[in-house]
Amino acid sequence: MPDAPRPRSRLLIVGLGLLLIGAIGGGVGLVIASTADPCLEVDGPDDGALLGADDVADGAIVFRADEDAARGLTVTAVGEGELTDDLEPHEEGRILPLSTLPDGEHELVARLSCAFSPDTTRLAFTIDTVPPEIDLDDVDGPLIGDEPLEVTGRVDDAEAEVSADAGTLEQDGETFTLTVPTPVEGPVTVTAVDAAGNRSEAVLEPIASVPSRVTVSPVRSVHVSFWGWVTGDLRDPVLEMAEDGLINAVQLDLKDESGVVGYDSEVDRAHEIGAVEAIYDLDEAVAELHDLGLAVIGRIVAFRDPVLAAHAWEHDEREQVIQTDDGEPYGGYGGFTNFADDDVVDYNVALAVEAARAGVDDILWDYVRRPDGDVDGFRFAGLEDSPEQAVVDFVAEADETLAPYGVSHGASVYGIAVDRPTQIAQDIAGLAEHTDYIAPMVYPSHWGPGEYDVASPIDEPYDIVAASLADFVALTEGQRARIIPWLQDFSIGGVTYDAEKVRAQIDATYDTGLEEWILWSPGVRYTTEAIDPLD
């Protein structure tokens, strides 16, 4: 039998490999000669990966296939539906931007039909783009001397790692404590990074520490003006009073009745309105008084402020000025600023904070009131309540702002305010809730004949001071504030205030159960013979 013709072998090149079809044992066989690369390649997250916001922002899954084959590519999110329409053209195939996927767990299935069977790839990963939330507690307690500042806080993800760029931070799950040395020279940034790499920050603003406070009790003080401090003939006798044990504190003006700030303030608003006159060096004055063991009481005349009133009126900030009922600026005292205006409040409080940082031990507010006269004759822009409540609100805001600095503060008030709070907008009970002391100006010369049944108060200093202070003590009983009266050490109206009359006021103070006082002399000259040395 003649030889049968041999079958010819065929070589097929297909997507999955190199196949040889030939005769094997008299039949036709399929032989895998070699294996080619799969027709679909996928570059994406590692299986089980956790992706954060940075990963997702610029990330994408790349599906590589030749142009003809790619037309059959399908991508499905298990349990969510097909994502094929979300694919975008790419030089190497198609891409799926990760930013198109929501936070959560994802399982994607990519299929592409090849020559003999579909090529399938699965990807499983989780997206979490929400950064951890940091909550820093408010700074609590005074920043005194070189004591470190301790701030506590929380993060809403116990697995997040919390760190700070200054000080030391200890973390216990969701809570942490940051300890930094004071003064804090610049902002301290607290950072939290979660497992997905999401980052959040919270900033602790610079907080300066202050020198250690000088605390004295009972307070025995005298008033010293800007020029009184820099004039040796006035300052030296005051310091001698301290050396002789007659006083333990000095009331030093910071902003006076003229609206002038008497030291080189760094408060921007003070410079903007032209209020700063660097008559004395506040830091040096505080240091000198502290070296003598004296407490520094910084007096700020709040709302009688001709400088601010004039500047505000000229620069179309007229809501900062108390006006008459016909819309003109109130002209008494050279100008009165509006306690119901936030900018006026902020300016005065900023000066108090600056003084506290400079080491001033106590802030004494003066002219925390409206002008005297019929209240219907005034306009107070932005006033939402009564004038007396607005004044209380101012003191309350100052109290809250000053609290971290460990400085006390008080309010100077008129004697008549004890039973006539609406006459000049001084609610004594309200003010006593937010101050450490009330300083009634019970100067005998300021009372009219017949007040408290005293025929001539200026000639009867003991009687008028004792009667007035008794009312203040009764009204503030059980309140936070104590009473430290202003007493008169100046002559007026043809009546000379000698040692006897000054001493009579001091005796009236003691006999009312009070032990503290501040003497006022506009000329900064004091009647030392009227004062007994401190024990």
Protein backbone atom coordinates (compact mmCIF):
# COMPACT_ATOMS: atom_id res chain seq x y z
CA MET A 1 0.00 0.00 0.00
CA PRO A 2 1.49 3.17 -1.00
CA ASP A 3 2.52 5.53 1.73
CA ALA A 4 -0.31 7.91 2.72
CA PRO A 5 0.57 11.60 2.57
CA ARG A 6 1.62 13.04 5.90
CA PRO A 7 -0.67 15.73 7.45
CA ARG A 8 0.96 19.14 7.49
CA SER A 9 1.44 20.84 10.92
CA ARG A 10 -0.06 24.29 11.55
CA LEU A 11 1.33 27.00 13.85
CA LEU A 12 -1.29 29.21 15.49
CA ILE A 13 -0.37 32.36 17.45
CA VAL A 14 -3.15 33.39 19.73
CA GLY A 15 -3.52 35.63 22.68
CA LEU A 16 -2.93 32.98 25.33
CA GLY A 17 0.08 31.26 23.87
CA LEU A 18 1.85 29.56 21.03
CA LEU A 19 -0.10 26.38 20.07
CA LEU A 20 1.08 23.56 17.81
CA ILE A 21 -1.54 21.42 16.14
CA GLY A 22 -0.13 18.22 14.73
CA ALA A 23 -0.62 14.50 14.28
CA ILE A 24 -0.14 12.54 17.40
CA GLY A 25 -0.58 8.78 17.20
CA GLY A 26 -2.54 9.06 14.00
CA GLY A 27 -4.79 11.84 15.40
CA VAL A 28 -4.77 15.59 15.70
CA GLY A 29 -3.45 16.99 18.95
CA LEU A 30 -3.36 20.46 20.62
CA VAL A 31 0.02 21.22 22.12
CA ILE A 32 0.86 24.30 24.23
CA ALA A 33 4.27 25.13 23.00
CA SER A 34 4.65 28.27 25.11
CA THR A 35 2.57 30.64 27.18
CA ALA A 36 2.23 34.33 26.32
CA ASP A 37 1.41 37.19 28.71
CA PRO A 38 -2.26 37.52 29.67
CA CYS A 39 -4.23 39.80 27.40
CA LEU A 40 -5.24 42.04 30.35
CA GLU A 41 -2.84 43.63 32.79
CA VAL A 42 -4.09 45.60 35.78
CA ASP A 43 -2.02 48.00 37.89
CA GLY A 44 -3.81 49.04 41.05
CA PRO A 45 -3.74 48.92 44.83
CA ASP A 46 -2.30 45.92 46.58
CA ASP A 47 -4.87 43.39 47.66
CA GLY A 48 -6.37 44.54 50.98
CA ALA A 49 -4.79 47.99 50.79
CA LEU A 50 -6.10 50.95 52.84
CA LEU A 51 -6.08 54.14 50.78
CA GLY A 52 -6.19 57.65 52.19
CA ALA A 53 -6.93 61.04 50.71
CA ASP A 54 -3.45 61.49 49.25
CA ASP A 55 -3.60 58.06 47.61
CA VAL A 56 -6.99 58.77 46.09
CA ALA A 57 -6.36 62.35 44.94
CA ASP A 58 -4.02 61.46 42.08
CA GLY A 59 -4.37 57.67 42.02
CA ALA A 60 -5.95 55.48 39.38
CA ILE A 61 -6.32 51.83 38.41
CA VAL A 62 -4.75 51.16 34.99
CA PHE A 63 -6.17 48.46 32.69
CA ARG A 64 -3.71 47.58 29.91
CA ALA A 65 -4.80 45.79 26.72
CA ASP A 66 -4.31 46.31 23.03
CA GLU A 67 -6.75 48.69 21.44
CA ASP A 68 -8.91 46.08 19.78
CA ALA A 69 -9.12 43.84 22.84
CA ALA A 70 -9.81 46.72 25.23
CA ARG A 71 -13.18 47.28 23.61
CA GLY A 72 -14.44 44.21 25.40
CA LEU A 73 -13.22 45.23 28.86
CA THR A 74 -15.79 45.34 31.65
CA VAL A 75 -15.20 46.53 35.22
CA THR A 76 -17.73 45.77 37.94
CA ALA A 77 -17.87 46.76 41.59
CA VAL A 78 -19.19 43.79 43.53
CA GLY A 79 -22.52 44.69 45.07
CA GLU A 80 -22.55 48.11 43.44
CA GLY A 81 -22.75 47.71 39.71
CA GLU A 82 -20.74 48.16 36.55
CA LEU A 83 -18.11 50.89 36.36
CA THR A 84 -17.13 50.45 32.73
CA ASP A 85 -18.63 53.81 31.74
CA ASP A 86 -16.42 55.52 34.33
CA LEU A 87 -13.24 54.38 32.62
CA GLU A 88 -11.19 57.05 30.90
CA PRO A 89 -8.88 56.71 27.90
CA HIS A 90 -5.22 56.26 28.68
CA GLU A 91 -2.13 55.87 26.52
CA GLU A 92 -1.74 52.31 27.80
CA GLY A 93 -5.41 51.32 27.81
CA ARG A 94 -8.09 52.54 30.21
CA ILE A 95 -7.98 54.03 33.73
CA LEU A 96 -10.42 54.33 36.60
CA PRO A 97 -9.62 57.39 38.75
CA LEU A 98 -9.81 56.40 42.41
CA SER A 99 -11.45 59.75 43.14
CA THR A 100 -14.60 58.46 41.45
CA LEU A 101 -15.04 55.87 44.21
CA PRO A 102 -16.64 56.70 47.56
CA ASP A 103 -15.15 55.94 50.96
CA GLY A 104 -15.64 52.35 52.06
CA GLU A 105 -14.67 48.78 51.11
CA HIS A 106 -14.45 47.94 47.43
CA GLU A 107 -14.04 44.74 45.40
CA LEU A 108 -13.59 45.29 41.67
CA VAL A 109 -13.73 42.59 38.99
CA ALA A 110 -12.17 43.32 35.59
CA ARG A 111 -12.91 40.97 32.65
CA LEU A 112 -11.56 40.92 29.15
CA SER A 113 -12.37 38.22 26.54
CA CYS A 114 -9.21 36.73 25.15
CA ALA A 115 -8.74 34.04 22.45
CA PHE A 116 -9.91 31.02 24.38
CA SER A 117 -11.20 32.25 27.78
CA PRO A 118 -11.87 35.49 29.63
CA ASP A 119 -9.00 37.07 31.54
CA THR A 120 -10.27 38.09 34.98
CA THR A 121 -8.61 40.19 37.68
CA ARG A 122 -9.99 40.99 41.15
CA LEU A 123 -8.96 43.90 43.34
CA ALA A 124 -10.04 44.40 46.97
CA PHE A 125 -9.19 47.57 48.89
CA THR A 126 -10.63 50.16 51.27
CA ILE A 127 -10.85 53.94 50.81
CA ASP A 128 -10.85 56.28 53.82
CA THR A 129 -10.32 59.96 53.05
CA VAL A 130 -11.69 61.47 56.29
CA PRO A 131 -8.90 62.90 58.48
CA PRO A 132 -9.02 62.43 62.23
CA GLU A 133 -10.56 65.31 64.16
CA ILE A 134 -8.51 67.05 66.85
CA ASP A 135 -10.08 68.94 69.73
CA LEU A 136 -7.77 71.09 71.89
CA ASP A 137 -9.12 72.17 75.25
CA ASP A 138 -8.93 75.84 76.18
CA VAL A 139 -5.89 76.85 78.16
CA ASP A 140 -6.88 76.69 81.80
CA GLY A 141 -5.13 78.48 84.59
CA PRO A 142 -2.59 81.28 84.75
CA LEU A 143 0.61 81.26 82.79
CA ILE A 144 2.89 82.46 85.54
CA GLY A 145 6.67 82.60 85.56
CA ASP A 146 8.48 79.67 83.98
CA GLU A 147 5.83 77.05 84.67
CA PRO A 148 5.21 74.85 81.59
CA LEU A 149 1.89 75.08 79.82
CA GLU A 150 -0.16 71.88 79.83
CA VAL A 151 -2.92 71.49 77.26
CA THR A 152 -5.18 68.47 76.98
CA GLY A 153 -7.04 67.31 73.90
CA ARG A 154 -8.75 64.49 72.10
CA VAL A 155 -8.67 62.82 68.70
CA ASP A 156 -11.72 60.94 67.41
CA ASP A 157 -9.64 57.99 66.17
CA ALA A 158 -7.82 56.06 68.88
CA GLU A 159 -5.54 54.46 66.25
CA ALA A 160 -4.35 57.82 64.91
CA GLU A 161 -0.86 58.92 65.90
CA VAL A 162 -0.75 62.38 67.48
CA SER A 163 2.40 64.52 67.59
CA ALA A 164 3.39 68.16 68.14
CA ASP A 165 6.19 70.32 66.75
CA ALA A 166 7.10 71.67 70.20
CA GLY A 167 7.10 70.36 73.73
CA THR A 168 6.22 66.78 74.63
CA LEU A 169 3.03 64.92 73.86
CA GLU A 170 1.70 61.83 75.61
CA GLN A 171 -1.17 59.93 74.00
CA ASP A 172 -3.53 57.44 75.60
CA GLY A 173 -5.99 56.26 72.97
CA GLU A 174 -8.24 59.14 72.03
CA THR A 175 -6.86 61.52 74.67
CA PHE A 176 -3.51 63.28 74.83
CA THR A 177 -1.62 65.83 76.89
CA LEU A 178 0.74 68.39 75.38
CA THR A 179 3.29 70.07 77.64
CA VAL A 180 5.25 73.02 76.30
CA PRO A 181 7.60 75.43 78.05
CA THR A 182 6.45 79.02 78.38
CA PRO A 183 6.60 81.50 76.91
CA VAL A 184 5.42 79.85 73.71
CA GLU A 185 7.45 81.69 71.08
CA GLY A 186 5.22 80.81 68.14
CA PRO A 187 2.26 78.67 67.14
CA VAL A 188 2.46 75.03 68.25
CA THR A 189 1.00 72.63 65.69
CA VAL A 190 -0.57 69.38 66.83
CA THR A 191 -0.82 66.76 64.07
CA ALA A 192 -2.84 63.55 63.90
CA VAL A 193 -2.23 60.91 61.20
CA ASP A 194 -4.54 57.92 60.84
CA ALA A 195 -3.82 54.47 59.41
CA ALA A 196 -4.76 55.63 55.91
CA GLY A 197 -2.28 58.50 56.08
CA ASN A 198 -4.94 61.17 56.43
CA ARG A 199 -3.56 64.15 58.31
CA SER A 200 -5.18 66.91 60.34
CA GLU A 201 -3.74 69.77 62.36
CA ALA A 202 -4.77 71.98 65.26
CA VAL A 203 -2.84 75.10 66.17
CA LEU A 204 -2.16 76.46 69.64
CA GLU A 205 -1.57 80.18 69.18
CA PRO A 206 1.37 81.84 70.91
CA ILE A 207 0.69 82.46 74.59
CA ALA A 208 3.24 84.43 76.53
CA SER A 209 3.91 83.69 80.12
CA VAL A 210 4.17 86.57 82.54
CA PRO A 211 6.43 87.28 85.47
CA SER A 212 5.33 85.90 88.79
CA ARG A 213 2.52 87.96 90.29
CA VAL A 214 2.92 90.05 93.39
CA THR A 215 -0.07 89.41 95.58
CA VAL A 216 -0.74 91.67 98.56
CA SER A 217 -3.47 91.66 101.17
CA PRO A 218 -4.91 93.96 102.28
CA VAL A 219 -4.36 96.34 99.37
CA ARG A 220 -3.06 99.79 100.34
CA SER A 221 -2.30 101.82 97.24
CA VAL A 222 -1.95 105.28 95.73
CA HIS A 223 -2.60 106.60 92.23
CA VAL A 224 0.38 107.48 89.99
CA SER A 225 -0.08 109.12 86.59
CA PHE A 226 2.20 108.79 83.54
CA TRP A 227 4.07 111.96 84.35
CA GLY A 228 4.03 111.22 88.05
CA TRP A 229 6.05 108.07 87.38
CA VAL A 230 8.71 109.76 85.27
CA THR A 231 9.00 112.81 87.54
CA GLY A 232 11.44 112.05 90.33
CA ASP A 233 9.94 114.61 92.73
CA LEU A 234 6.64 112.70 92.53
CA ARG A 235 7.76 109.09 92.08
CA ASP A 236 10.41 109.05 94.79
CA PRO A 237 8.06 110.03 97.65
CA VAL A 238 5.69 107.26 96.54
CA LEU A 239 8.51 104.72 96.66
CA GLU A 240 9.49 106.06 100.08
CA MET A 241 5.94 105.36 101.24
CA ALA A 242 6.51 101.76 100.21
CA GLU A 243 9.85 101.59 102.01
CA ASP A 244 8.18 102.99 105.13
CA GLY A 245 5.50 100.31 104.99
CA LEU A 246 2.62 102.72 104.30
CA ILE A 247 1.59 101.14 100.98
CA ASN A 248 2.10 97.77 99.31
CA ALA A 249 0.77 98.56 95.82
CA VAL A 250 0.92 101.32 93.23
CA GLN A 251 -1.89 102.17 90.84
CA LEU A 252 -0.11 103.11 87.60
CA ASP A 253 -2.04 104.58 84.67
CA LEU A 254 -2.05 102.64 81.40
CA LYS A 255 -4.67 104.64 79.45
CA ASP A 256 -5.93 107.79 81.12
CA GLU A 257 -8.84 110.23 80.80
CA SER A 258 -7.25 111.91 77.80
CA GLY A 259 -7.36 108.67 75.80
CA VAL A 260 -3.56 108.52 75.76
CA VAL A 261 -1.76 105.22 76.23
CA GLY A 262 1.28 106.25 78.25
CA TYR A 263 3.72 103.49 77.33
CA ASP A 264 4.95 102.08 74.01
CA SER A 265 2.00 99.78 73.39
CA GLU A 266 2.10 97.13 70.67
CA VAL A 267 -1.68 97.16 70.24
CA ASP A 268 -2.23 98.07 66.59
CA ARG A 269 -5.41 100.03 67.22
CA ALA A 270 -3.64 102.29 69.72
CA HIS A 271 -1.09 103.27 67.08
CA GLU A 272 -3.70 103.55 64.33
CA ILE A 273 -5.67 106.18 66.25
CA GLY A 274 -2.58 108.03 67.49
CA ALA A 275 -3.11 107.20 71.16
CA VAL A 276 0.42 106.04 72.01
CA GLU A 277 2.80 108.39 73.80
CA ALA A 278 5.74 106.46 75.21
CA ILE A 279 6.02 108.55 78.37
CA TYR A 280 7.35 105.68 80.49
CA ASP A 281 8.63 102.14 79.98
CA LEU A 282 6.01 99.72 81.27
CA ASP A 283 8.36 96.73 81.56
CA GLU A 284 10.89 98.73 83.53
CA ALA A 285 8.23 100.20 85.80
CA VAL A 286 6.76 96.78 86.58
CA ALA A 287 10.20 95.33 87.27
CA GLU A 288 11.13 98.18 89.61
CA LEU A 289 7.88 97.96 91.58
CA HIS A 290 8.07 94.17 91.78
CA ASP A 291 11.63 94.38 93.07
CA LEU A 292 10.25 96.43 95.95
CA GLY A 293 7.57 93.81 96.60
CA LEU A 294 4.81 96.13 95.36
CA ALA A 295 1.81 94.97 93.38
CA VAL A 296 1.12 96.93 90.18
CA ILE A 297 -2.48 98.01 89.58
CA GLY A 298 -2.84 99.12 85.97
CA ARG A 299 -5.63 101.65 85.47
CA ILE A 300 -7.41 101.73 82.11
CA VAL A 301 -9.93 104.50 81.51
CA ALA A 302 -12.28 102.60 79.25
CA PHE A 303 -15.07 104.63 77.65
CA ARG A 304 -14.06 108.22 78.32
CA ASP A 305 -11.67 108.29 75.37
CA PRO A 306 -11.33 111.53 73.37
CA VAL A 307 -8.63 110.06 71.13
CA LEU A 308 -10.64 107.05 69.96
CA ALA A 309 -13.88 109.03 69.76
CA ALA A 310 -12.33 111.70 67.51
CA HIS A 311 -10.61 109.19 65.26
CA ALA A 312 -13.70 107.03 64.90
CA TRP A 313 -15.90 110.00 64.05
CA GLU A 314 -13.47 111.34 61.46
CA HIS A 315 -13.04 107.91 59.82
CA ASP A 316 -16.72 107.06 59.44
CA GLU A 317 -16.72 104.63 62.36
CA ARG A 318 -19.37 106.62 64.16
CA GLU A 319 -21.03 103.61 65.73
CA GLN A 320 -18.02 103.58 68.09
CA VAL A 321 -19.04 106.95 69.53
CA ILE A 322 -21.85 107.72 71.95
CA GLN A 323 -24.07 110.25 70.19
CA THR A 324 -26.67 112.78 71.21
CA ASP A 325 -30.28 112.22 70.25
CA ASP A 326 -29.78 114.35 67.11
CA GLY A 327 -26.91 112.16 65.86
CA GLU A 328 -24.00 114.36 66.88
CA PRO A 329 -21.05 113.07 68.91
CA TYR A 330 -21.47 113.54 72.64
CA GLY A 331 -19.09 116.33 73.52
CA GLY A 332 -18.66 115.93 77.26
CA TYR A 333 -15.19 114.98 78.51
CA GLY A 334 -13.93 115.43 74.95
CA GLY A 335 -15.75 112.33 73.71
CA PHE A 336 -17.25 109.12 75.06
CA THR A 337 -16.93 105.81 73.23
CA ASN A 338 -19.68 103.25 72.88
CA PHE A 339 -19.55 100.28 75.27
CA ALA A 340 -22.03 98.45 73.00
CA ASP A 341 -19.56 98.38 70.09
CA ASP A 342 -17.37 95.29 69.66
CA ASP A 343 -14.37 97.23 68.33
CA VAL A 344 -14.37 99.55 71.34
CA VAL A 345 -14.59 96.58 73.69
CA ASP A 346 -11.81 94.71 71.86
CA TYR A 347 -9.48 97.72 71.99
CA ASN A 348 -9.75 98.14 75.73
CA VAL A 349 -9.46 94.43 76.44
CA ALA A 350 -6.39 94.19 74.18
CA LEU A 351 -4.66 96.84 76.29
CA ALA A 352 -5.50 94.89 79.44
CA VAL A 353 -4.09 91.66 78.00
CA GLU A 354 -0.92 93.45 76.95
CA ALA A 355 -0.51 94.82 80.47
CA ALA A 356 -1.12 91.40 81.98
CA ARG A 357 1.58 89.92 79.77
CA ALA A 358 3.93 92.69 80.89
CA GLY A 359 3.50 91.58 84.50
CA VAL A 360 0.87 94.05 85.71
CA ASP A 361 -0.79 92.28 88.63
CA ASP A 362 -4.21 93.87 88.49
CA ILE A 363 -6.36 95.76 85.98
CA LEU A 364 -8.55 98.54 87.35
CA TRP A 365 -11.22 99.72 84.92
CA ASP A 366 -12.31 103.34 85.18
CA TYR A 367 -15.12 105.17 83.39
CA VAL A 368 -16.94 101.91 82.80
CA ARG A 369 -20.18 103.79 82.46
CA ARG A 370 -22.23 106.04 80.22
CA PRO A 371 -22.17 109.84 80.46
CA ASP A 372 -24.42 111.28 83.14
CA GLY A 373 -27.69 112.81 82.03
CA ASP A 374 -31.07 111.69 80.72
CA VAL A 375 -30.52 108.36 78.96
CA ASP A 376 -33.08 109.34 76.30
CA GLY A 377 -30.70 112.06 75.20
CA PHE A 378 -28.13 109.54 73.94
CA ARG A 379 -27.77 107.09 71.08
CA PHE A 380 -25.83 103.86 71.60
CA ALA A 381 -25.37 102.14 68.22
CA GLY A 382 -25.87 98.37 68.42
CA LEU A 383 -27.25 98.41 71.95
CA GLU A 384 -29.43 95.32 72.40
CA ASP A 385 -30.19 95.65 76.10
CA SER A 386 -29.90 98.38 78.68
CA PRO A 387 -26.72 100.51 78.96
CA GLU A 388 -26.01 99.07 82.41
CA GLN A 389 -26.24 95.51 81.06
CA ALA A 390 -23.87 96.40 78.20
CA VAL A 391 -21.34 97.66 80.76
CA VAL A 392 -21.70 94.42 82.73
CA ASP A 393 -21.23 92.46 79.49
CA PHE A 394 -18.00 94.35 78.81
CA VAL A 395 -16.60 93.51 82.23
CA ALA A 396 -17.68 89.88 81.83
CA GLU A 397 -15.83 89.61 78.51
CA ALA A 398 -12.73 91.16 80.03
CA ASP A 399 -12.97 88.74 82.94
CA GLU A 400 -13.05 85.73 80.63
CA THR A 401 -10.20 87.00 78.46
CA LEU A 402 -7.93 87.87 81.37
CA ALA A 403 -8.50 84.62 83.26
CA PRO A 404 -5.59 82.66 81.68
CA TYR A 405 -3.12 85.33 82.73
CA GLY A 406 -3.75 85.07 86.45
CA VAL A 407 -4.44 88.79 86.73
CA SER A 408 -7.23 90.16 88.91
CA HIS A 409 -9.39 93.10 87.90
CA GLY A 410 -11.82 95.57 89.39
CA ALA A 411 -14.21 98.33 88.38
CA SER A 412 -14.21 101.92 89.59
CA VAL A 413 -17.78 103.12 90.21
CA TYR A 414 -19.60 106.19 91.42
CA GLY A 415 -20.90 106.18 94.97
CA ILE A 416 -24.42 106.96 93.77
CA ALA A 417 -24.46 103.75 91.68
CA VAL A 418 -25.10 101.65 94.78
CA ASP A 419 -28.79 102.64 94.74
CA ARG A 420 -29.10 104.41 91.35
CA PRO A 421 -27.66 101.94 88.81
CA THR A 422 -29.39 103.43 85.76
CA GLN A 423 -28.18 106.98 86.34
CA ILE A 424 -24.74 106.27 84.83
CA ALA A 425 -25.19 102.59 83.79
CA GLN A 426 -23.35 100.95 86.69
CA ASP A 427 -25.16 97.90 88.05
CA ILE A 428 -23.06 97.12 91.12
CA ALA A 429 -24.50 93.65 91.72
CA GLY A 430 -23.97 92.74 88.06
CA LEU A 431 -20.42 94.06 88.01
CA ALA A 432 -19.62 92.21 91.23
CA GLU A 433 -20.32 88.88 89.51
CA HIS A 434 -17.46 89.37 87.03
CA THR A 435 -14.79 91.27 88.97
CA ASP A 436 -12.51 90.61 91.89
CA TYR A 437 -13.37 93.91 93.51
CA ILE A 438 -15.51 97.02 93.20
CA ALA A 439 -13.75 100.35 93.77
CA PRO A 440 -16.38 102.94 94.72
CA MET A 441 -15.21 106.54 94.44
CA VAL A 442 -16.63 107.76 97.72
CA TYR A 443 -14.80 111.08 97.67
CA PRO A 444 -16.64 113.40 100.07
CA SER A 445 -16.35 116.24 97.54
CA HIS A 446 -18.42 114.25 95.03
CA TRP A 447 -21.53 114.06 97.18
CA GLY A 448 -24.28 116.66 97.24
CA PRO A 449 -25.55 118.20 100.48
CA GLY A 450 -27.96 115.95 102.33
CA GLU A 451 -26.84 112.63 100.82
CA TYR A 452 -27.20 109.94 103.48
CA ASP A 453 -28.53 112.75 105.72
CA VAL A 454 -25.06 114.25 105.82
CA ALA A 455 -25.53 118.01 105.63
CA SER A 456 -22.13 118.83 104.11
CA PRO A 457 -20.30 115.70 102.96
CA ILE A 458 -17.12 117.55 102.01
CA ASP A 459 -16.85 118.79 105.60
CA GLU A 460 -17.86 115.46 107.16
CA PRO A 461 -15.69 112.86 105.44
CA TYR A 462 -16.10 110.13 108.06
CA ASP A 463 -19.90 110.19 108.00
CA ILE A 464 -20.36 110.17 104.24
CA VAL A 465 -17.73 107.49 103.59
CA ALA A 466 -19.02 105.21 106.34
CA ALA A 467 -22.64 105.50 105.21
CA SER A 468 -21.86 104.92 101.53
CA LEU A 469 -19.53 101.98 102.10
CA ALA A 470 -22.06 100.28 104.36
CA ASP A 471 -24.45 100.15 101.40
CA PHE A 472 -21.77 98.75 99.09
CA VAL A 473 -20.88 96.04 101.60
CA ALA A 474 -24.52 95.06 102.01
CA LEU A 475 -25.20 95.00 98.25
CA THR A 476 -22.20 92.81 97.42
CA GLU A 477 -22.51 90.38 100.34
CA GLY A 478 -21.99 86.85 99.09
CA GLN A 479 -20.72 88.09 95.72
CA ARG A 480 -17.33 87.37 94.20
CA ALA A 481 -16.17 90.99 94.38
CA ARG A 482 -14.90 92.64 97.54
CA ILE A 483 -14.88 96.39 98.16
CA ILE A 484 -11.73 98.53 97.82
CA PRO A 485 -12.75 102.19 97.98
CA TRP A 486 -11.11 105.18 96.37
CA LEU A 487 -10.47 107.78 99.06
CA GLN A 488 -9.87 111.50 98.61
CA ASP A 489 -6.41 113.00 99.14
CA PHE A 490 -6.88 116.30 97.32
CA SER A 491 -8.35 119.66 98.18
CA ILE A 492 -11.25 121.19 96.26
CA GLY A 493 -13.99 123.73 96.66
CA GLY A 494 -12.04 125.79 99.14
CA VAL A 495 -11.82 122.89 101.60
CA THR A 496 -8.32 121.71 102.44
CA TYR A 497 -7.94 117.99 102.82
CA ASP A 498 -5.32 117.64 105.51
CA ALA A 499 -4.19 114.60 107.47
CA GLU A 500 -7.28 114.74 109.68
CA LYS A 501 -9.74 114.57 106.80
CA VAL A 502 -7.80 111.89 104.93
CA ARG A 503 -7.50 109.85 108.10
CA ALA A 504 -11.22 110.22 108.78
CA GLN A 505 -11.96 108.41 105.50
CA ILE A 506 -9.50 105.62 106.33
CA ASP A 507 -11.09 105.19 109.76
CA ALA A 508 -14.56 105.08 108.20
CA THR A 509 -13.33 102.35 105.86
CA TYR A 510 -11.96 100.26 108.72
CA ASP A 511 -15.05 100.80 110.86
CA THR A 512 -17.21 99.46 108.02
CA GLY A 513 -15.31 96.19 108.21
CA LEU A 514 -13.06 96.89 105.22
CA GLU A 515 -9.27 96.89 105.31
CA GLU A 516 -8.30 98.06 101.82
CA TRP A 517 -8.17 101.41 100.06
CA ILE A 518 -6.62 103.41 97.21
CA LEU A 519 -5.82 107.09 97.65
CA TRP A 520 -6.42 109.48 94.76
CA SER A 521 -4.37 112.63 94.27
CA PRO A 522 -4.36 114.01 90.72
CA GLY A 523 -1.09 115.74 91.54
CA VAL A 524 0.46 112.53 92.93
CA ARG A 525 1.25 114.11 96.31
CA TYR A 526 0.05 112.19 99.36
CA THR A 527 -0.59 112.96 103.00
CA THR A 528 1.66 110.37 104.59
CA GLU A 529 0.85 111.57 108.13
CA ALA A 530 -2.65 110.17 107.73
CA ILE A 531 -1.45 106.62 107.14
CA ASP A 532 -0.39 104.05 109.70
CA PRO A 533 2.29 101.54 108.65
CA LEU A 534 1.14 98.08 107.67
CA ASP A 535 1.51 95.41 110.32
